[in-house]
Amino acid sequence: MARKKPAVDKGFVMFDVVYQDGARTSNRKVPSADLGGLDGDDPARAFIEGQDRKIAEMSGNPRGPIKTITRSPGQ
């Protein structure tokens, strides 16, 4: 009989982001080390906004403001 391998912390948490213009992005990775503690998932917003700024600098297409951030289902 095969043994199950122990669960391994993947090191990141996936989030779905909805922007004020109605656009949606799914499965945005945020390091799990940045989350938790008293702030819960609040640091995810700052991390994703930072990702959006980097993407906007490279592409020249800025993203609108974030409306909501929720953890992706299935985690």
PDB file of N, CA and C in Angstrom:
ATOM      1  N   MET A   1       0.835  -1.169   0.000  1.00  0.00           N
ATOM      2  CA  MET A   1       0.000   0.000   0.000  1.00  0.00           C
ATOM      3  C   MET A   1       0.890   1.246   0.000  1.00  0.00           C
ATOM      4  N   ALA A   2       0.550   2.197  -0.822  1.00  0.00           N
ATOM      5  CA  ALA A   2       1.338   3.428  -0.922  1.00  0.00           C
ATOM      6  C   ALA A   2       1.027   4.361   0.241  1.00  0.00           C
ATOM      7  N   ARG A   3       2.069   5.050   0.686  1.00  0.00           N
ATOM      8  CA  ARG A   3       1.877   6.026   1.760  1.00  0.00           C
ATOM      9  C   ARG A   3       1.684   7.405   1.163  1.00  0.00           C
ATOM     10  N   LYS A   4       0.869   8.193   1.833  1.00  0.00           N
ATOM     11  CA  LYS A   4       0.668   9.579   1.395  1.00  0.00           C
ATOM     12  C   LYS A   4       1.862  10.411   1.818  1.00  0.00           C
ATOM     13  N   LYS A   5       2.257  11.316   0.949  1.00  0.00           N
ATOM     14  CA  LYS A   5       3.314  12.247   1.298  1.00  0.00           C
ATOM     15  C   LYS A   5       2.721  13.349   2.170  1.00  0.00           C
ATOM     16  N   PRO A   6       3.480  13.851   3.124  1.00  0.00           N
ATOM     17  CA  PRO A   6       2.950  14.952   3.951  1.00  0.00           C
ATOM     18  C   PRO A   6       2.764  16.207   3.119  1.00  0.00           C
ATOM     19  N   ALA A   7       1.773  16.996   3.503  1.00  0.00           N
ATOM     20  CA  ALA A   7       1.500  18.239   2.785  1.00  0.00           C
ATOM     21  C   ALA A   7       2.681  19.186   2.944  1.00  0.00           C
ATOM     22  N   VAL A   8       3.028  19.839   1.857  1.00  0.00           N
ATOM     23  CA  VAL A   8       4.151  20.764   1.853  1.00  0.00           C
ATOM     24  C   VAL A   8       3.615  22.176   1.653  1.00  0.00           C
ATOM     25  N   ASP A   9       4.105  23.099   2.463  1.00  0.00           N
ATOM     26  CA  ASP A   9       3.708  24.500   2.302  1.00  0.00           C
ATOM     27  C   ASP A   9       4.268  24.993   0.973  1.00  0.00           C
ATOM     28  N   LYS A  10       3.407  25.470   0.094  1.00  0.00           N
ATOM     29  CA  LYS A  10       3.822  25.894  -1.230  1.00  0.00           C
ATOM     30  C   LYS A  10       4.550  27.223  -1.230  1.00  0.00           C
ATOM     31  N   GLY A  11       4.427  27.960  -0.135  1.00  0.00           N
ATOM     32  CA  GLY A  11       5.157  29.210  -0.036  1.00  0.00           C
ATOM     33  C   GLY A  11       4.421  30.412  -0.587  1.00  0.00           C
ATOM     34  N   PHE A  12       3.220  30.195  -1.121  1.00  0.00           N
ATOM     35  CA  PHE A  12       2.444  31.323  -1.618  1.00  0.00           C
ATOM     36  C   PHE A  12       0.956  31.035  -1.496  1.00  0.00           C
ATOM     37  N   VAL A  13       0.165  32.100  -1.562  1.00  0.00           N
ATOM     38  CA  VAL A  13      -1.294  32.006  -1.507  1.00  0.00           C
ATOM     39  C   VAL A  13      -1.833  32.678  -2.763  1.00  0.00           C
ATOM     40  N   MET A  14      -2.859  32.099  -3.335  1.00  0.00           N
ATOM     41  CA  MET A  14      -3.456  32.625  -4.565  1.00  0.00           C
ATOM     42  C   MET A  14      -4.647  33.520  -4.233  1.00  0.00           C
ATOM     43  N   PHE A  15      -4.748  34.637  -4.951  1.00  0.00           N
ATOM     44  CA  PHE A  15      -5.837  35.596  -4.744  1.00  0.00           C
ATOM     45  C   PHE A  15      -6.493  35.946  -6.068  1.00  0.00           C
ATOM     46  N   ASP A  16      -7.802  36.217  -6.014  1.00  0.00           N
ATOM     47  CA  ASP A  16      -8.549  36.765  -7.145  1.00  0.00           C
ATOM     48  C   ASP A  16      -8.715  38.254  -6.883  1.00  0.00           C
ATOM     49  N   VAL A  17      -8.479  39.068  -7.912  1.00  0.00           N
ATOM     50  CA  VAL A  17      -8.525  40.520  -7.768  1.00  0.00           C
ATOM     51  C   VAL A  17      -9.571  41.079  -8.731  1.00  0.00           C
ATOM     52  N   VAL A  18     -10.449  41.945  -8.210  1.00  0.00           N
ATOM     53  CA  VAL A  18     -11.416  42.657  -9.038  1.00  0.00           C
ATOM     54  C   VAL A  18     -11.054  44.136  -8.960  1.00  0.00           C
ATOM     55  N   TYR A  19     -10.949  44.757 -10.145  1.00  0.00           N
ATOM     56  CA  TYR A  19     -10.592  46.173 -10.236  1.00  0.00           C
ATOM     57  C   TYR A  19     -11.859  47.015 -10.340  1.00  0.00           C
ATOM     58  N   GLN A  20     -11.734  48.303 -10.076  1.00  0.00           N
ATOM     59  CA  GLN A  20     -12.892  49.198 -10.078  1.00  0.00           C
ATOM     60  C   GLN A  20     -13.559  49.288 -11.444  1.00  0.00           C
ATOM     61  N   ASP A  21     -12.804  49.038 -12.525  1.00  0.00           N
ATOM     62  CA  ASP A  21     -13.393  49.095 -13.855  1.00  0.00           C
ATOM     63  C   ASP A  21     -14.099  47.797 -14.236  1.00  0.00           C
ATOM     64  N   GLY A  22     -14.118  46.806 -13.310  1.00  0.00           N
ATOM     65  CA  GLY A  22     -14.795  45.544 -13.558  1.00  0.00           C
ATOM     66  C   GLY A  22     -13.878  44.441 -14.042  1.00  0.00           C
ATOM     67  N   ALA A  23     -12.636  44.766 -14.377  1.00  0.00           N
ATOM     68  CA  ALA A  23     -11.684  43.746 -14.815  1.00  0.00           C
ATOM     69  C   ALA A  23     -11.368  42.821 -13.649  1.00  0.00           C
ATOM     70  N   ARG A  24     -11.034  41.574 -13.970  1.00  0.00           N
ATOM     71  CA  ARG A  24     -10.743  40.592 -12.937  1.00  0.00           C
ATOM     72  C   ARG A  24      -9.497  39.808 -13.326  1.00  0.00           C
ATOM     73  N   THR A  25      -8.632  39.560 -12.352  1.00  0.00           N
ATOM     74  CA  THR A  25      -7.503  38.663 -12.554  1.00  0.00           C
ATOM     75  C   THR A  25      -7.589  37.575 -11.499  1.00  0.00           C
ATOM     76  N   SER A  26      -7.257  36.366 -11.885  1.00  0.00           N
ATOM     77  CA  SER A  26      -7.351  35.228 -10.977  1.00  0.00           C
ATOM     78  C   SER A  26      -5.970  34.667 -10.679  1.00  0.00           C
ATOM     79  N   ASN A  27      -5.884  34.016  -9.530  1.00  0.00           N
ATOM     80  CA  ASN A  27      -4.693  33.276  -9.135  1.00  0.00           C
ATOM     81  C   ASN A  27      -3.428  34.124  -9.087  1.00  0.00           C
ATOM     82  N   ARG A  28      -3.518  35.286  -8.485  1.00  0.00           N
ATOM     83  CA  ARG A  28      -2.341  36.133  -8.269  1.00  0.00           C
ATOM     84  C   ARG A  28      -1.581  35.592  -7.069  1.00  0.00           C
ATOM     85  N   LYS A  29      -0.305  35.330  -7.230  1.00  0.00           N
ATOM     86  CA  LYS A  29       0.508  34.736  -6.168  1.00  0.00           C
ATOM     87  C   LYS A  29       1.023  35.798  -5.209  1.00  0.00           C
ATOM     88  N   VAL A  30       0.864  35.520  -3.923  1.00  0.00           N
ATOM     89  CA  VAL A  30       1.395  36.373  -2.856  1.00  0.00           C
ATOM     90  C   VAL A  30       2.151  35.460  -1.904  1.00  0.00           C
ATOM     91  N   PRO A  31       3.404  35.781  -1.572  1.00  0.00           N
ATOM     92  CA  PRO A  31       4.157  34.922  -0.649  1.00  0.00           C
ATOM     93  C   PRO A  31       3.429  34.769   0.688  1.00  0.00           C
ATOM     94  N   SER A  32       3.330  33.536   1.157  1.00  0.00           N
ATOM     95  CA  SER A  32       2.623  33.293   2.419  1.00  0.00           C
ATOM     96  C   SER A  32       3.355  33.927   3.596  1.00  0.00           C
ATOM     97  N   ALA A  33       4.645  34.171   3.460  1.00  0.00           N
ATOM     98  CA  ALA A  33       5.402  34.825   4.533  1.00  0.00           C
ATOM     99  C   ALA A  33       4.929  36.263   4.746  1.00  0.00           C
ATOM    100  N   ASP A  34       4.351  36.882   3.708  1.00  0.00           N
ATOM    101  CA  ASP A  34       3.867  38.263   3.814  1.00  0.00           C
ATOM    102  C   ASP A  34       2.484  38.343   4.467  1.00  0.00           C
ATOM    103  N   LEU A  35       1.828  37.205   4.651  1.00  0.00           N
ATOM    104  CA  LEU A  35       0.463  37.176   5.179  1.00  0.00           C
ATOM    105  C   LEU A  35       0.439  36.666   6.606  1.00  0.00           C
ATOM    106  N   GLY A  36      -0.710  36.756   7.216  1.00  0.00           N
ATOM    107  CA  GLY A  36      -0.893  36.230   8.558  1.00  0.00           C
ATOM    108  C   GLY A  36      -0.669  37.289   9.621  1.00  0.00           C
ATOM    109  N   GLY A  37      -0.548  36.825  10.829  1.00  0.00           N
ATOM    110  CA  GLY A  37      -0.390  37.756  11.933  1.00  0.00           C
ATOM    111  C   GLY A  37      -1.661  38.536  12.158  1.00  0.00           C
ATOM    112  N   LEU A  38      -1.536  39.685  12.755  1.00  0.00           N
ATOM    113  CA  LEU A  38      -2.710  40.504  13.062  1.00  0.00           C
ATOM    114  C   LEU A  38      -3.326  41.133  11.825  1.00  0.00           C
ATOM    115  N   ASP A  39      -2.547  41.302  10.753  1.00  0.00           N
ATOM    116  CA  ASP A  39      -3.050  41.941   9.534  1.00  0.00           C
ATOM    117  C   ASP A  39      -3.820  40.985   8.634  1.00  0.00           C
ATOM    118  N   GLY A  40      -3.728  39.685   8.848  1.00  0.00           N
ATOM    119  CA  GLY A  40      -4.436  38.719   8.012  1.00  0.00           C
ATOM    120  C   GLY A  40      -4.025  38.824   6.560  1.00  0.00           C
ATOM    121  N   ASP A  41      -4.998  39.013   5.664  1.00  0.00           N
ATOM    122  CA  ASP A  41      -4.727  39.095   4.228  1.00  0.00           C
ATOM    123  C   ASP A  41      -4.526  40.527   3.735  1.00  0.00           C
ATOM    124  N   ASP A  42      -4.570  41.511   4.617  1.00  0.00           N
ATOM    125  CA  ASP A  42      -4.415  42.913   4.204  1.00  0.00           C
ATOM    126  C   ASP A  42      -3.105  43.186   3.463  1.00  0.00           C
ATOM    127  N   PRO A  43      -1.976  42.582   3.838  1.00  0.00           N
ATOM    128  CA  PRO A  43      -0.733  42.848   3.103  1.00  0.00           C
ATOM    129  C   PRO A  43      -0.769  42.382   1.643  1.00  0.00           C
ATOM    130  N   ALA A  44      -1.708  41.504   1.297  1.00  0.00           N
ATOM    131  CA  ALA A  44      -1.810  41.032  -0.084  1.00  0.00           C
ATOM    132  C   ALA A  44      -2.123  42.185  -1.032  1.00  0.00           C
ATOM    133  N   ARG A  45      -2.949  43.126  -0.600  1.00  0.00           N
ATOM    134  CA  ARG A  45      -3.307  44.274  -1.443  1.00  0.00           C
ATOM    135  C   ARG A  45      -2.058  45.077  -1.818  1.00  0.00           C
ATOM    136  N   ALA A  46      -1.216  45.373  -0.837  1.00  0.00           N
ATOM    137  CA  ALA A  46       0.004  46.142  -1.105  1.00  0.00           C
ATOM    138  C   ALA A  46       0.940  45.370  -2.027  1.00  0.00           C
ATOM    139  N   PHE A  47       1.054  44.063  -1.824  1.00  0.00           N
ATOM    140  CA  PHE A  47       1.930  43.253  -2.668  1.00  0.00           C
ATOM    141  C   PHE A  47       1.429  43.235  -4.115  1.00  0.00           C
ATOM    142  N   ILE A  48       0.122  43.041  -4.298  1.00  0.00           N
ATOM    143  CA  ILE A  48      -0.449  42.983  -5.648  1.00  0.00           C
ATOM    144  C   ILE A  48      -0.378  44.348  -6.321  1.00  0.00           C
ATOM    145  N   GLU A  49      -0.599  45.434  -5.570  1.00  0.00           N
ATOM    146  CA  GLU A  49      -0.454  46.779  -6.140  1.00  0.00           C
ATOM    147  C   GLU A  49       0.977  47.005  -6.614  1.00  0.00           C
ATOM    148  N   GLY A  50       1.945  46.498  -5.876  1.00  0.00           N
ATOM    149  CA  GLY A  50       3.343  46.592  -6.295  1.00  0.00           C
ATOM    150  C   GLY A  50       3.595  45.821  -7.580  1.00  0.00           C
ATOM    151  N   GLN A  51       3.012  44.621  -7.694  1.00  0.00           N
ATOM    152  CA  GLN A  51       3.120  43.842  -8.931  1.00  0.00           C
ATOM    153  C   GLN A  51       2.514  44.619 -10.098  1.00  0.00           C
ATOM    154  N   ASP A  52       1.348  45.217  -9.865  1.00  0.00           N
ATOM    155  CA  ASP A  52       0.669  45.981 -10.919  1.00  0.00           C
ATOM    156  C   ASP A  52       1.519  47.163 -11.376  1.00  0.00           C
ATOM    157  N   ARG A  53       2.195  47.837 -10.442  1.00  0.00           N
ATOM    158  CA  ARG A  53       3.069  48.966 -10.814  1.00  0.00           C
ATOM    159  C   ARG A  53       4.219  48.496 -11.701  1.00  0.00           C
ATOM    160  N   LYS A  54       4.826  47.361 -11.351  1.00  0.00           N
ATOM    161  CA  LYS A  54       5.927  46.825 -12.164  1.00  0.00           C
ATOM    162  C   LYS A  54       5.441  46.464 -13.569  1.00  0.00           C
ATOM    163  N   ILE A  55       4.284  45.829 -13.632  1.00  0.00           N
ATOM    164  CA  ILE A  55       3.720  45.436 -14.932  1.00  0.00           C
ATOM    165  C   ILE A  55       3.411  46.675 -15.756  1.00  0.00           C
ATOM    166  N   ALA A  56       2.860  47.713 -15.121  1.00  0.00           N
ATOM    167  CA  ALA A  56       2.522  48.950 -15.823  1.00  0.00           C
ATOM    168  C   ALA A  56       3.783  49.629 -16.352  1.00  0.00           C
ATOM    169  N   GLU A  57       4.866  49.615 -15.590  1.00  0.00           N
ATOM    170  CA  GLU A  57       6.120  50.215 -16.049  1.00  0.00           C
ATOM    171  C   GLU A  57       6.650  49.502 -17.288  1.00  0.00           C
ATOM    172  N   MET A  58       6.558  48.173 -17.293  1.00  0.00           N
ATOM    173  CA  MET A  58       7.084  47.403 -18.423  1.00  0.00           C
ATOM    174  C   MET A  58       6.181  47.491 -19.649  1.00  0.00           C
ATOM    175  N   SER A  59       4.878  47.497 -19.437  1.00  0.00           N
ATOM    176  CA  SER A  59       3.954  47.451 -20.572  1.00  0.00           C
ATOM    177  C   SER A  59       3.495  48.826 -21.029  1.00  0.00           C
ATOM    178  N   GLY A  60       3.529  49.802 -20.125  1.00  0.00           N
ATOM    179  CA  GLY A  60       3.023  51.125 -20.449  1.00  0.00           C
ATOM    180  C   GLY A  60       1.521  51.250 -20.294  1.00  0.00           C
ATOM    181  N   ASN A  61       0.860  50.187 -19.812  1.00  0.00           N
ATOM    182  CA  ASN A  61      -0.587  50.196 -19.594  1.00  0.00           C
ATOM    183  C   ASN A  61      -0.872  50.112 -18.100  1.00  0.00           C
ATOM    184  N   PRO A  62      -1.221  51.239 -17.462  1.00  0.00           N
ATOM    185  CA  PRO A  62      -1.489  51.195 -16.025  1.00  0.00           C
ATOM    186  C   PRO A  62      -2.799  50.479 -15.708  1.00  0.00           C
ATOM    187  N   ARG A  63      -2.844  49.843 -14.555  1.00  0.00           N
ATOM    188  CA  ARG A  63      -4.033  49.166 -14.058  1.00  0.00           C
ATOM    189  C   ARG A  63      -4.835  50.145 -13.220  1.00  0.00           C
ATOM    190  N   GLY A  64      -6.137  49.972 -13.182  1.00  0.00           N
ATOM    191  CA  GLY A  64      -6.990  50.807 -12.350  1.00  0.00           C
ATOM    192  C   GLY A  64      -6.872  50.413 -10.888  1.00  0.00           C
ATOM    193  N   PRO A  65      -7.534  51.139 -10.013  1.00  0.00           N
ATOM    194  CA  PRO A  65      -7.499  50.812  -8.588  1.00  0.00           C
ATOM    195  C   PRO A  65      -8.204  49.483  -8.292  1.00  0.00           C
ATOM    196  N   ILE A  66      -7.727  48.815  -7.261  1.00  0.00           N
ATOM    197  CA  ILE A  66      -8.302  47.532  -6.849  1.00  0.00           C
ATOM    198  C   ILE A  66      -9.575  47.778  -6.054  1.00  0.00           C
ATOM    199  N   LYS A  67     -10.622  47.021  -6.411  1.00  0.00           N
ATOM    200  CA  LYS A  67     -11.897  47.105  -5.689  1.00  0.00           C
ATOM    201  C   LYS A  67     -11.927  46.071  -4.563  1.00  0.00           C
ATOM    202  N   THR A  68     -11.691  44.791  -4.890  1.00  0.00           N
ATOM    203  CA  THR A  68     -11.705  43.729  -3.883  1.00  0.00           C
ATOM    204  C   THR A  68     -10.609  42.708  -4.164  1.00  0.00           C
ATOM    205  N   ILE A  69     -10.172  42.089  -3.073  1.00  0.00           N
ATOM    206  CA  ILE A  69      -9.222  40.974  -3.149  1.00  0.00           C
ATOM    207  C   ILE A  69      -9.769  39.853  -2.281  1.00  0.00           C
ATOM    208  N   THR A  70      -9.858  38.648  -2.861  1.00  0.00           N
ATOM    209  CA  THR A  70     -10.317  37.469  -2.104  1.00  0.00           C
ATOM    210  C   THR A  70      -9.408  36.294  -2.426  1.00  0.00           C
ATOM    211  N   ARG A  71      -9.307  35.390  -1.481  1.00  0.00           N
ATOM    212  CA  ARG A  71      -8.519  34.188  -1.746  1.00  0.00           C
ATOM    213  C   ARG A  71      -9.190  33.363  -2.830  1.00  0.00           C
ATOM    214  N   SER A  72      -8.380  32.781  -3.700  1.00  0.00           N
ATOM    215  CA  SER A  72      -8.913  31.935  -4.753  1.00  0.00           C
ATOM    216  C   SER A  72      -9.515  30.679  -4.142  1.00  0.00           C
ATOM    217  N   PRO A  73     -10.634  30.185  -4.693  1.00  0.00           N
ATOM    218  CA  PRO A  73     -11.242  28.969  -4.155  1.00  0.00           C
ATOM    219  C   PRO A  73     -10.355  27.760  -4.442  1.00  0.00           C
ATOM    220  N   GLY A  74     -10.540  26.738  -3.631  1.00  0.00           N
ATOM    221  CA  GLY A  74      -9.781  25.502  -3.846  1.00  0.00           C
ATOM    222  C   GLY A  74      -8.478  25.466  -3.090  1.00  0.00           C
ATOM    223  N   GLN A  75      -8.278  26.374  -2.179  1.00  0.00           N
ATOM    224  CA  GLN A  75      -7.028  26.379  -1.417  1.00  0.00           C
ATOM    225  C   GLN A  75      -7.263  25.828  -0.051  1.00  0.00           C
TER     226      GLN A  75
END
